[in-house]
Amino acid sequence: MPSYLESENWIRNVFSAKAVGRGGVIHRAARDVERYAGRDAFLHEVQRRGFTLVENGDQLVVFCNRDPVRLVVQRDPPKLSQRAWPGGVSDARPRI
């Protein structure tokens, strides 16, 4: 494995992004975090810095500042079957 993909180096590279220094937002695929750093190590680094982390689908989104995060538009979560089958399997059948 290349040295830049080792856990500590990968985390260091992620948090050296310009967006981090500007107090912006970074995001990474959850599978990449788990593969290269481990979820616990990543969460520890986010907490150590006082940032906020949210998970949406397979993305981990880090707000690289200490400002509060507020959900502006909230929707009812879809049922599991709707998430698993967008459009729904039942949509294939004609409605009477």
PDB file of N, CA and C in Angstrom:
ATOM      1  N   MET A   1       0.858  -1.183   0.000  1.00  0.00           N
ATOM      2  CA  MET A   1       0.000   0.000   0.000  1.00  0.00           C
ATOM      3  C   MET A   1       0.900   1.240   0.000  1.00  0.00           C
ATOM      4  N   PRO A   2       0.601   2.207  -0.865  1.00  0.00           N
ATOM      5  CA  PRO A   2       1.394   3.443  -0.874  1.00  0.00           C
ATOM      6  C   PRO A   2       1.289   4.168   0.467  1.00  0.00           C
ATOM      7  N   SER A   3       2.334   4.862   0.840  1.00  0.00           N
ATOM      8  CA  SER A   3       2.362   5.508   2.161  1.00  0.00           C
ATOM      9  C   SER A   3       1.259   6.549   2.334  1.00  0.00           C
ATOM     10  N   TYR A   4       0.846   7.214   1.237  1.00  0.00           N
ATOM     11  CA  TYR A   4      -0.201   8.239   1.378  1.00  0.00           C
ATOM     12  C   TYR A   4      -1.568   7.627   1.690  1.00  0.00           C
ATOM     13  N   LEU A   5      -1.708   6.314   1.532  1.00  0.00           N
ATOM     14  CA  LEU A   5      -2.969   5.652   1.864  1.00  0.00           C
ATOM     15  C   LEU A   5      -2.959   5.039   3.257  1.00  0.00           C
ATOM     16  N   GLU A   6      -1.840   5.118   3.962  1.00  0.00           N
ATOM     17  CA  GLU A   6      -1.808   4.645   5.339  1.00  0.00           C
ATOM     18  C   GLU A   6      -2.694   5.550   6.180  1.00  0.00           C
ATOM     19  N   SER A   7      -3.312   4.992   7.190  1.00  0.00           N
ATOM     20  CA  SER A   7      -4.346   5.668   7.975  1.00  0.00           C
ATOM     21  C   SER A   7      -3.976   7.090   8.406  1.00  0.00           C
ATOM     22  N   GLU A   8      -2.892   7.256   9.097  1.00  0.00           N
ATOM     23  CA  GLU A   8      -2.518   8.585   9.606  1.00  0.00           C
ATOM     24  C   GLU A   8      -2.251   9.564   8.476  1.00  0.00           C
ATOM     25  N   ASN A   9      -1.575   9.116   7.434  1.00  0.00           N
ATOM     26  CA  ASN A   9      -1.291   9.996   6.293  1.00  0.00           C
ATOM     27  C   ASN A   9      -2.568  10.371   5.555  1.00  0.00           C
ATOM     28  N   TRP A  10      -3.475   9.408   5.401  1.00  0.00           N
ATOM     29  CA  TRP A  10      -4.723   9.682   4.701  1.00  0.00           C
ATOM     30  C   TRP A  10      -5.536  10.734   5.450  1.00  0.00           C
ATOM     31  N   ILE A  11      -5.642  10.557   6.763  1.00  0.00           N
ATOM     32  CA  ILE A  11      -6.378  11.536   7.577  1.00  0.00           C
ATOM     33  C   ILE A  11      -5.697  12.899   7.495  1.00  0.00           C
ATOM     34  N   ARG A  12      -4.378  12.932   7.600  1.00  0.00           N
ATOM     35  CA  ARG A  12      -3.641  14.198   7.507  1.00  0.00           C
ATOM     36  C   ARG A  12      -3.913  14.881   6.168  1.00  0.00           C
ATOM     37  N   ASN A  13      -3.921  14.109   5.081  1.00  0.00           N
ATOM     38  CA  ASN A  13      -4.186  14.682   3.760  1.00  0.00           C
ATOM     39  C   ASN A  13      -5.609  15.220   3.643  1.00  0.00           C
ATOM     40  N   VAL A  14      -6.578  14.481   4.169  1.00  0.00           N
ATOM     41  CA  VAL A  14      -7.973  14.933   4.114  1.00  0.00           C
ATOM     42  C   VAL A  14      -8.123  16.270   4.836  1.00  0.00           C
ATOM     43  N   PHE A  15      -7.541  16.369   6.028  1.00  0.00           N
ATOM     44  CA  PHE A  15      -7.732  17.572   6.833  1.00  0.00           C
ATOM     45  C   PHE A  15      -6.727  18.685   6.514  1.00  0.00           C
ATOM     46  N   SER A  16      -5.931  18.484   5.456  1.00  0.00           N
ATOM     47  CA  SER A  16      -5.060  19.570   5.001  1.00  0.00           C
ATOM     48  C   SER A  16      -5.651  20.257   3.768  1.00  0.00           C
ATOM     49  N   ALA A  17      -6.856  19.868   3.385  1.00  0.00           N
ATOM     50  CA  ALA A  17      -7.533  20.499   2.244  1.00  0.00           C
ATOM     51  C   ALA A  17      -7.772  21.982   2.523  1.00  0.00           C
ATOM     52  N   LYS A  18      -7.759  22.776   1.473  1.00  0.00           N
ATOM     53  CA  LYS A  18      -7.980  24.222   1.616  1.00  0.00           C
ATOM     54  C   LYS A  18      -9.307  24.531   2.290  1.00  0.00           C
ATOM     55  N   ALA A  19     -10.333  23.740   1.972  1.00  0.00           N
ATOM     56  CA  ALA A  19     -11.663  23.975   2.558  1.00  0.00           C
ATOM     57  C   ALA A  19     -11.619  23.876   4.074  1.00  0.00           C
ATOM     58  N   VAL A  20     -10.792  23.002   4.604  1.00  0.00           N
ATOM     59  CA  VAL A  20     -10.680  22.853   6.060  1.00  0.00           C
ATOM     60  C   VAL A  20     -10.136  24.146   6.661  1.00  0.00           C
ATOM     61  N   GLY A  21      -9.079  24.682   6.074  1.00  0.00           N
ATOM     62  CA  GLY A  21      -8.473  25.914   6.570  1.00  0.00           C
ATOM     63  C   GLY A  21      -9.388  27.117   6.470  1.00  0.00           C
ATOM     64  N   ARG A  22     -10.289  27.095   5.487  1.00  0.00           N
ATOM     65  CA  ARG A  22     -11.233  28.209   5.302  1.00  0.00           C
ATOM     66  C   ARG A  22     -12.506  28.035   6.119  1.00  0.00           C
ATOM     67  N   GLY A  23     -12.630  26.916   6.843  1.00  0.00           N
ATOM     68  CA  GLY A  23     -13.854  26.684   7.614  1.00  0.00           C
ATOM     69  C   GLY A  23     -14.989  26.203   6.753  1.00  0.00           C
ATOM     70  N   GLY A  24     -14.672  25.576   5.637  1.00  0.00           N
ATOM     71  CA  GLY A  24     -15.687  25.115   4.701  1.00  0.00           C
ATOM     72  C   GLY A  24     -16.175  23.714   4.993  1.00  0.00           C
ATOM     73  N   VAL A  25     -16.487  23.000   3.934  1.00  0.00           N
ATOM     74  CA  VAL A  25     -17.078  21.674   4.030  1.00  0.00           C
ATOM     75  C   VAL A  25     -16.250  20.703   3.193  1.00  0.00           C
ATOM     76  N   ILE A  26     -16.029  19.511   3.730  1.00  0.00           N
ATOM     77  CA  ILE A  26     -15.421  18.432   2.956  1.00  0.00           C
ATOM     78  C   ILE A  26     -16.328  17.221   3.041  1.00  0.00           C
ATOM     79  N   HIS A  27     -16.241  16.350   2.058  1.00  0.00           N
ATOM     80  CA  HIS A  27     -17.019  15.112   2.131  1.00  0.00           C
ATOM     81  C   HIS A  27     -16.196  13.977   1.555  1.00  0.00           C
ATOM     82  N   ARG A  28     -16.441  12.813   2.088  1.00  0.00           N
ATOM     83  CA  ARG A  28     -15.772  11.608   1.638  1.00  0.00           C
ATOM     84  C   ARG A  28     -16.777  10.465   1.644  1.00  0.00           C
ATOM     85  N   ALA A  29     -16.570   9.518   0.764  1.00  0.00           N
ATOM     86  CA  ALA A  29     -17.401   8.318   0.745  1.00  0.00           C
ATOM     87  C   ALA A  29     -17.120   7.515   2.014  1.00  0.00           C
ATOM     88  N   ALA A  30     -18.161   7.036   2.643  1.00  0.00           N
ATOM     89  CA  ALA A  30     -18.009   6.261   3.878  1.00  0.00           C
ATOM     90  C   ALA A  30     -17.113   5.052   3.646  1.00  0.00           C
ATOM     91  N   ARG A  31     -17.226   4.431   2.482  1.00  0.00           N
ATOM     92  CA  ARG A  31     -16.398   3.245   2.206  1.00  0.00           C
ATOM     93  C   ARG A  31     -14.920   3.599   2.157  1.00  0.00           C
ATOM     94  N   ASP A  32     -14.583   4.807   1.659  1.00  0.00           N
ATOM     95  CA  ASP A  32     -13.181   5.230   1.629  1.00  0.00           C
ATOM     96  C   ASP A  32     -12.664   5.504   3.031  1.00  0.00           C
ATOM     97  N   VAL A  33     -13.492   6.153   3.847  1.00  0.00           N
ATOM     98  CA  VAL A  33     -13.098   6.418   5.235  1.00  0.00           C
ATOM     99  C   VAL A  33     -12.825   5.099   5.938  1.00  0.00           C
ATOM    100  N   GLU A  34     -13.729   4.148   5.779  1.00  0.00           N
ATOM    101  CA  GLU A  34     -13.568   2.854   6.437  1.00  0.00           C
ATOM    102  C   GLU A  34     -12.359   2.105   5.896  1.00  0.00           C
ATOM    103  N   ARG A  35     -12.104   2.198   4.598  1.00  0.00           N
ATOM    104  CA  ARG A  35     -10.999   1.467   3.972  1.00  0.00           C
ATOM    105  C   ARG A  35      -9.636   2.050   4.347  1.00  0.00           C
ATOM    106  N   TYR A  36      -9.509   3.373   4.311  1.00  0.00           N
ATOM    107  CA  TYR A  36      -8.190   3.996   4.460  1.00  0.00           C
ATOM    108  C   TYR A  36      -7.862   4.439   5.880  1.00  0.00           C
ATOM    109  N   ALA A  37      -8.876   4.807   6.658  1.00  0.00           N
ATOM    110  CA  ALA A  37      -8.590   5.353   7.984  1.00  0.00           C
ATOM    111  C   ALA A  37      -9.268   4.579   9.103  1.00  0.00           C
ATOM    112  N   GLY A  38     -10.425   4.040   8.817  1.00  0.00           N
ATOM    113  CA  GLY A  38     -11.252   3.452   9.860  1.00  0.00           C
ATOM    114  C   GLY A  38     -12.192   4.516  10.391  1.00  0.00           C
ATOM    115  N   ARG A  39     -13.435   4.145  10.547  1.00  0.00           N
ATOM    116  CA  ARG A  39     -14.456   5.110  10.984  1.00  0.00           C
ATOM    117  C   ARG A  39     -14.105   5.724  12.339  1.00  0.00           C
ATOM    118  N   ASP A  40     -13.659   4.911  13.279  1.00  0.00           N
ATOM    119  CA  ASP A  40     -13.356   5.422  14.619  1.00  0.00           C
ATOM    120  C   ASP A  40     -12.244   6.468  14.586  1.00  0.00           C
ATOM    121  N   ALA A  41     -11.191   6.223  13.820  1.00  0.00           N
ATOM    122  CA  ALA A  41     -10.082   7.178  13.726  1.00  0.00           C
ATOM    123  C   ALA A  41     -10.552   8.484  13.081  1.00  0.00           C
ATOM    124  N   PHE A  42     -11.400   8.372  12.056  1.00  0.00           N
ATOM    125  CA  PHE A  42     -11.924   9.569  11.381  1.00  0.00           C
ATOM    126  C   PHE A  42     -12.811  10.368  12.332  1.00  0.00           C
ATOM    127  N   LEU A  43     -13.718   9.679  13.034  1.00  0.00           N
ATOM    128  CA  LEU A  43     -14.596  10.365  13.988  1.00  0.00           C
ATOM    129  C   LEU A  43     -13.782  11.037  15.091  1.00  0.00           C
ATOM    130  N   HIS A  44     -12.749  10.360  15.545  1.00  0.00           N
ATOM    131  CA  HIS A  44     -11.887  10.943  16.583  1.00  0.00           C
ATOM    132  C   HIS A  44     -11.262  12.253  16.091  1.00  0.00           C
ATOM    133  N   GLU A  45     -10.788  12.268  14.862  1.00  0.00           N
ATOM    134  CA  GLU A  45     -10.157  13.487  14.320  1.00  0.00           C
ATOM    135  C   GLU A  45     -11.179  14.617  14.172  1.00  0.00           C
ATOM    136  N   VAL A  46     -12.384  14.288  13.729  1.00  0.00           N
ATOM    137  CA  VAL A  46     -13.437  15.304  13.616  1.00  0.00           C
ATOM    138  C   VAL A  46     -13.743  15.881  14.998  1.00  0.00           C
ATOM    139  N   GLN A  47     -13.898  15.032  15.993  1.00  0.00           N
ATOM    140  CA  GLN A  47     -14.194  15.489  17.351  1.00  0.00           C
ATOM    141  C   GLN A  47     -13.034  16.294  17.930  1.00  0.00           C
ATOM    142  N   ARG A  48     -11.809  15.837  17.689  1.00  0.00           N
ATOM    143  CA  ARG A  48     -10.627  16.530  18.213  1.00  0.00           C
ATOM    144  C   ARG A  48     -10.574  17.969  17.705  1.00  0.00           C
ATOM    145  N   ARG A  49     -11.003  18.170  16.484  1.00  0.00           N
ATOM    146  CA  ARG A  49     -10.989  19.499  15.881  1.00  0.00           C
ATOM    147  C   ARG A  49     -12.232  20.321  16.224  1.00  0.00           C
ATOM    148  N   GLY A  50     -13.228  19.697  16.837  1.00  0.00           N
ATOM    149  CA  GLY A  50     -14.454  20.413  17.203  1.00  0.00           C
ATOM    150  C   GLY A  50     -15.383  20.643  16.029  1.00  0.00           C
ATOM    151  N   PHE A  51     -15.246  19.833  14.971  1.00  0.00           N
ATOM    152  CA  PHE A  51     -16.075  19.968  13.781  1.00  0.00           C
ATOM    153  C   PHE A  51     -17.360  19.162  13.941  1.00  0.00           C
ATOM    154  N   THR A  52     -18.267  19.323  12.982  1.00  0.00           N
ATOM    155  CA  THR A  52     -19.519  18.579  12.950  1.00  0.00           C
ATOM    156  C   THR A  52     -19.489  17.624  11.767  1.00  0.00           C
ATOM    157  N   LEU A  53     -19.950  16.400  11.988  1.00  0.00           N
ATOM    158  CA  LEU A  53     -19.992  15.381  10.939  1.00  0.00           C
ATOM    159  C   LEU A  53     -21.418  14.908  10.770  1.00  0.00           C
ATOM    160  N   VAL A  54     -21.887  14.861   9.537  1.00  0.00           N
ATOM    161  CA  VAL A  54     -23.199  14.289   9.236  1.00  0.00           C
ATOM    162  C   VAL A  54     -23.001  13.197   8.195  1.00  0.00           C
ATOM    163  N   GLU A  55     -23.903  12.241   8.216  1.00  0.00           N
ATOM    164  CA  GLU A  55     -23.859  11.152   7.248  1.00  0.00           C
ATOM    165  C   GLU A  55     -25.146  11.182   6.448  1.00  0.00           C
ATOM    166  N   ASN A  56     -24.997  11.097   5.127  1.00  0.00           N
ATOM    167  CA  ASN A  56     -26.154  11.064   4.236  1.00  0.00           C
ATOM    168  C   ASN A  56     -25.854  10.043   3.150  1.00  0.00           C
ATOM    169  N   GLY A  57     -26.648   9.007   3.104  1.00  0.00           N
ATOM    170  CA  GLY A  57     -26.379   7.943   2.141  1.00  0.00           C
ATOM    171  C   GLY A  57     -25.015   7.351   2.424  1.00  0.00           C
ATOM    172  N   ASP A  58     -24.160   7.339   1.414  1.00  0.00           N
ATOM    173  CA  ASP A  58     -22.814   6.800   1.618  1.00  0.00           C
ATOM    174  C   ASP A  58     -21.776   7.903   1.772  1.00  0.00           C
ATOM    175  N   GLN A  59     -22.215   9.123   2.017  1.00  0.00           N
ATOM    176  CA  GLN A  59     -21.294  10.251   2.160  1.00  0.00           C
ATOM    177  C   GLN A  59     -21.189  10.705   3.617  1.00  0.00           C
ATOM    178  N   LEU A  60     -19.968  10.993   4.030  1.00  0.00           N
ATOM    179  CA  LEU A  60     -19.714  11.627   5.321  1.00  0.00           C
ATOM    180  C   LEU A  60     -19.347  13.073   5.013  1.00  0.00           C
ATOM    181  N   VAL A  61     -20.079  13.999   5.593  1.00  0.00           N
ATOM    182  CA  VAL A  61     -19.894  15.421   5.326  1.00  0.00           C
ATOM    183  C   VAL A  61     -19.408  16.093   6.609  1.00  0.00           C
ATOM    184  N   VAL A  62     -18.276  16.771   6.514  1.00  0.00           N
ATOM    185  CA  VAL A  62     -17.675  17.430   7.673  1.00  0.00           C
ATOM    186  C   VAL A  62     -17.781  18.931   7.491  1.00  0.00           C
ATOM    187  N   PHE A  63     -18.400  19.595   8.449  1.00  0.00           N
ATOM    188  CA  PHE A  63     -18.445  21.055   8.495  1.00  0.00           C
ATOM    189  C   PHE A  63     -17.232  21.481   9.305  1.00  0.00           C
ATOM    190  N   CYS A  64     -16.259  22.085   8.643  1.00  0.00           N
ATOM    191  CA  CYS A  64     -14.944  22.348   9.232  1.00  0.00           C
ATOM    192  C   CYS A  64     -14.909  23.676   9.985  1.00  0.00           C
ATOM    193  N   ASN A  65     -15.832  23.831  10.885  1.00  0.00           N
ATOM    194  CA  ASN A  65     -15.890  25.000  11.759  1.00  0.00           C
ATOM    195  C   ASN A  65     -16.679  24.585  12.998  1.00  0.00           C
ATOM    196  N   ARG A  66     -16.810  25.487  13.922  1.00  0.00           N
ATOM    197  CA  ARG A  66     -17.526  25.167  15.161  1.00  0.00           C
ATOM    198  C   ARG A  66     -18.909  25.808  15.211  1.00  0.00           C
ATOM    199  N   ASP A  67     -19.370  26.294  14.078  1.00  0.00           N
ATOM    200  CA  ASP A  67     -20.693  26.899  14.010  1.00  0.00           C
ATOM    201  C   ASP A  67     -21.772  25.826  14.139  1.00  0.00           C
ATOM    202  N   PRO A  68     -22.938  26.197  14.680  1.00  0.00           N
ATOM    203  CA  PRO A  68     -24.025  25.219  14.772  1.00  0.00           C
ATOM    204  C   PRO A  68     -24.529  24.842  13.383  1.00  0.00           C
ATOM    205  N   VAL A  69     -25.042  23.644  13.260  1.00  0.00           N
ATOM    206  CA  VAL A  69     -25.618  23.160  12.012  1.00  0.00           C
ATOM    207  C   VAL A  69     -27.116  23.044  12.238  1.00  0.00           C
ATOM    208  N   ARG A  70     -27.887  23.591  11.314  1.00  0.00           N
ATOM    209  CA  ARG A  70     -29.342  23.593  11.448  1.00  0.00           C
ATOM    210  C   ARG A  70     -29.943  23.019  10.176  1.00  0.00           C
ATOM    211  N   LEU A  71     -30.837  22.068  10.311  1.00  0.00           N
ATOM    212  CA  LEU A  71     -31.538  21.502   9.171  1.00  0.00           C
ATOM    213  C   LEU A  71     -32.619  22.489   8.761  1.00  0.00           C
ATOM    214  N   VAL A  72     -32.519  23.017   7.566  1.00  0.00           N
ATOM    215  CA  VAL A  72     -33.425  24.070   7.122  1.00  0.00           C
ATOM    216  C   VAL A  72     -34.694  23.482   6.509  1.00  0.00           C
ATOM    217  N   VAL A  73     -34.558  22.485   5.671  1.00  0.00           N
ATOM    218  CA  VAL A  73     -35.701  21.834   5.056  1.00  0.00           C
ATOM    219  C   VAL A  73     -35.706  20.395   5.519  1.00  0.00           C
ATOM    220  N   GLN A  74     -36.764  20.017   6.187  1.00  0.00           N
ATOM    221  CA  GLN A  74     -36.876  18.659   6.694  1.00  0.00           C
ATOM    222  C   GLN A  74     -38.002  17.968   5.961  1.00  0.00           C
ATOM    223  N   ARG A  75     -37.800  16.718   5.654  1.00  0.00           N
ATOM    224  CA  ARG A  75     -38.842  15.947   4.979  1.00  0.00           C
ATOM    225  C   ARG A  75     -39.054  14.655   5.734  1.00  0.00           C
ATOM    226  N   ASP A  76     -40.202  14.049   5.495  1.00  0.00           N
ATOM    227  CA  ASP A  76     -40.443  12.742   6.091  1.00  0.00           C
ATOM    228  C   ASP A  76     -39.517  11.749   5.413  1.00  0.00           C
ATOM    229  N   PRO A  77     -38.822  10.930   6.186  1.00  0.00           N
ATOM    230  CA  PRO A  77     -37.940   9.946   5.550  1.00  0.00           C
ATOM    231  C   PRO A  77     -38.751   8.922   4.775  1.00  0.00           C
ATOM    232  N   PRO A  78     -38.260   8.500   3.613  1.00  0.00           N
ATOM    233  CA  PRO A  78     -38.997   7.476   2.865  1.00  0.00           C
ATOM    234  C   PRO A  78     -38.958   6.147   3.597  1.00  0.00           C
ATOM    235  N   LYS A  79     -39.930   5.322   3.317  1.00  0.00           N
ATOM    236  CA  LYS A  79     -39.933   3.976   3.882  1.00  0.00           C
ATOM    237  C   LYS A  79     -38.758   3.219   3.285  1.00  0.00           C
ATOM    238  N   LEU A  80     -38.278   2.213   3.986  1.00  0.00           N
ATOM    239  CA  LEU A  80     -37.138   1.433   3.514  1.00  0.00           C
ATOM    240  C   LEU A  80     -37.368   0.910   2.106  1.00  0.00           C
ATOM    241  N   SER A  81     -38.571   0.439   1.824  1.00  0.00           N
ATOM    242  CA  SER A  81     -38.843  -0.110   0.497  1.00  0.00           C
ATOM    243  C   SER A  81     -38.707   0.963  -0.581  1.00  0.00           C
ATOM    244  N   GLN A  82     -39.037   2.207  -0.269  1.00  0.00           N
ATOM    245  CA  GLN A  82     -38.892   3.284  -1.242  1.00  0.00           C
ATOM    246  C   GLN A  82     -37.430   3.621  -1.475  1.00  0.00           C
ATOM    247  N   ARG A  83     -36.589   3.519  -0.413  1.00  0.00           N
ATOM    248  CA  ARG A  83     -35.163   3.768  -0.581  1.00  0.00           C
ATOM    249  C   ARG A  83     -34.522   2.643  -1.375  1.00  0.00           C
ATOM    250  N   ALA A  84     -34.960   1.416  -1.131  1.00  0.00           N
ATOM    251  CA  ALA A  84     -34.370   0.273  -1.807  1.00  0.00           C
ATOM    252  C   ALA A  84     -34.805   0.204  -3.270  1.00  0.00           C
ATOM    253  N   TRP A  85     -36.019   0.643  -3.553  1.00  0.00           N
ATOM    254  CA  TRP A  85     -36.558   0.587  -4.908  1.00  0.00           C
ATOM    255  C   TRP A  85     -37.118   1.956  -5.299  1.00  0.00           C
ATOM    256  N   PRO A  86     -36.247   2.909  -5.658  1.00  0.00           N
ATOM    257  CA  PRO A  86     -36.769   4.224  -6.071  1.00  0.00           C
ATOM    258  C   PRO A  86     -37.810   4.049  -7.168  1.00  0.00           C
ATOM    259  N   GLY A  87     -38.887   4.737  -7.027  1.00  0.00           N
ATOM    260  CA  GLY A  87     -39.979   4.589  -7.978  1.00  0.00           C
ATOM    261  C   GLY A  87     -40.940   3.493  -7.573  1.00  0.00           C
ATOM    262  N   GLY A  88     -40.457   2.598  -6.720  1.00  0.00           N
ATOM    263  CA  GLY A  88     -41.301   1.533  -6.180  1.00  0.00           C
ATOM    264  C   GLY A  88     -41.555   0.417  -7.154  1.00  0.00           C
ATOM    265  N   VAL A  89     -41.520  -0.782  -6.674  1.00  0.00           N
ATOM    266  CA  VAL A  89     -41.825  -1.953  -7.487  1.00  0.00           C
ATOM    267  C   VAL A  89     -43.294  -1.938  -7.880  1.00  0.00           C
ATOM    268  N   SER A  90     -44.126  -1.463  -6.964  1.00  0.00           N
ATOM    269  CA  SER A  90     -45.564  -1.473  -7.241  1.00  0.00           C
ATOM    270  C   SER A  90     -45.924  -0.524  -8.375  1.00  0.00           C
ATOM    271  N   ASP A  91     -45.037   0.439  -8.705  1.00  0.00           N
ATOM    272  CA  ASP A  91     -45.322   1.370  -9.799  1.00  0.00           C
ATOM    273  C   ASP A  91     -45.357   0.662 -11.153  1.00  0.00           C
ATOM    274  N   ALA A  92     -44.766  -0.539 -11.233  1.00  0.00           N
ATOM    275  CA  ALA A  92     -44.743  -1.272 -12.492  1.00  0.00           C
ATOM    276  C   ALA A  92     -46.118  -1.856 -12.805  1.00  0.00           C
ATOM    277  N   ARG A  93     -46.978  -1.997 -11.796  1.00  0.00           N
ATOM    278  CA  ARG A  93     -48.310  -2.547 -12.008  1.00  0.00           C
ATOM    279  C   ARG A  93     -49.293  -1.423 -12.310  1.00  0.00           C
ATOM    280  N   PRO A  94     -50.204  -1.653 -13.194  1.00  0.00           N
ATOM    281  CA  PRO A  94     -51.206  -0.603 -13.477  1.00  0.00           C
ATOM    282  C   PRO A  94     -52.101  -0.388 -12.259  1.00  0.00           C
ATOM    283  N   ARG A  95     -52.457   0.827 -12.027  1.00  0.00           N
ATOM    284  CA  ARG A  95     -53.351   1.154 -10.919  1.00  0.00           C
ATOM    285  C   ARG A  95     -54.789   1.172 -11.414  1.00  0.00           C
ATOM    286  N   ILE A  96     -55.676   0.700 -10.573  1.00  0.00           N
ATOM    287  CA  ILE A  96     -57.088   0.619 -10.966  1.00  0.00           C
ATOM    288  C   ILE A  96     -57.881   1.694 -10.271  1.00  0.00           C
TER     289      ILE A  96
END
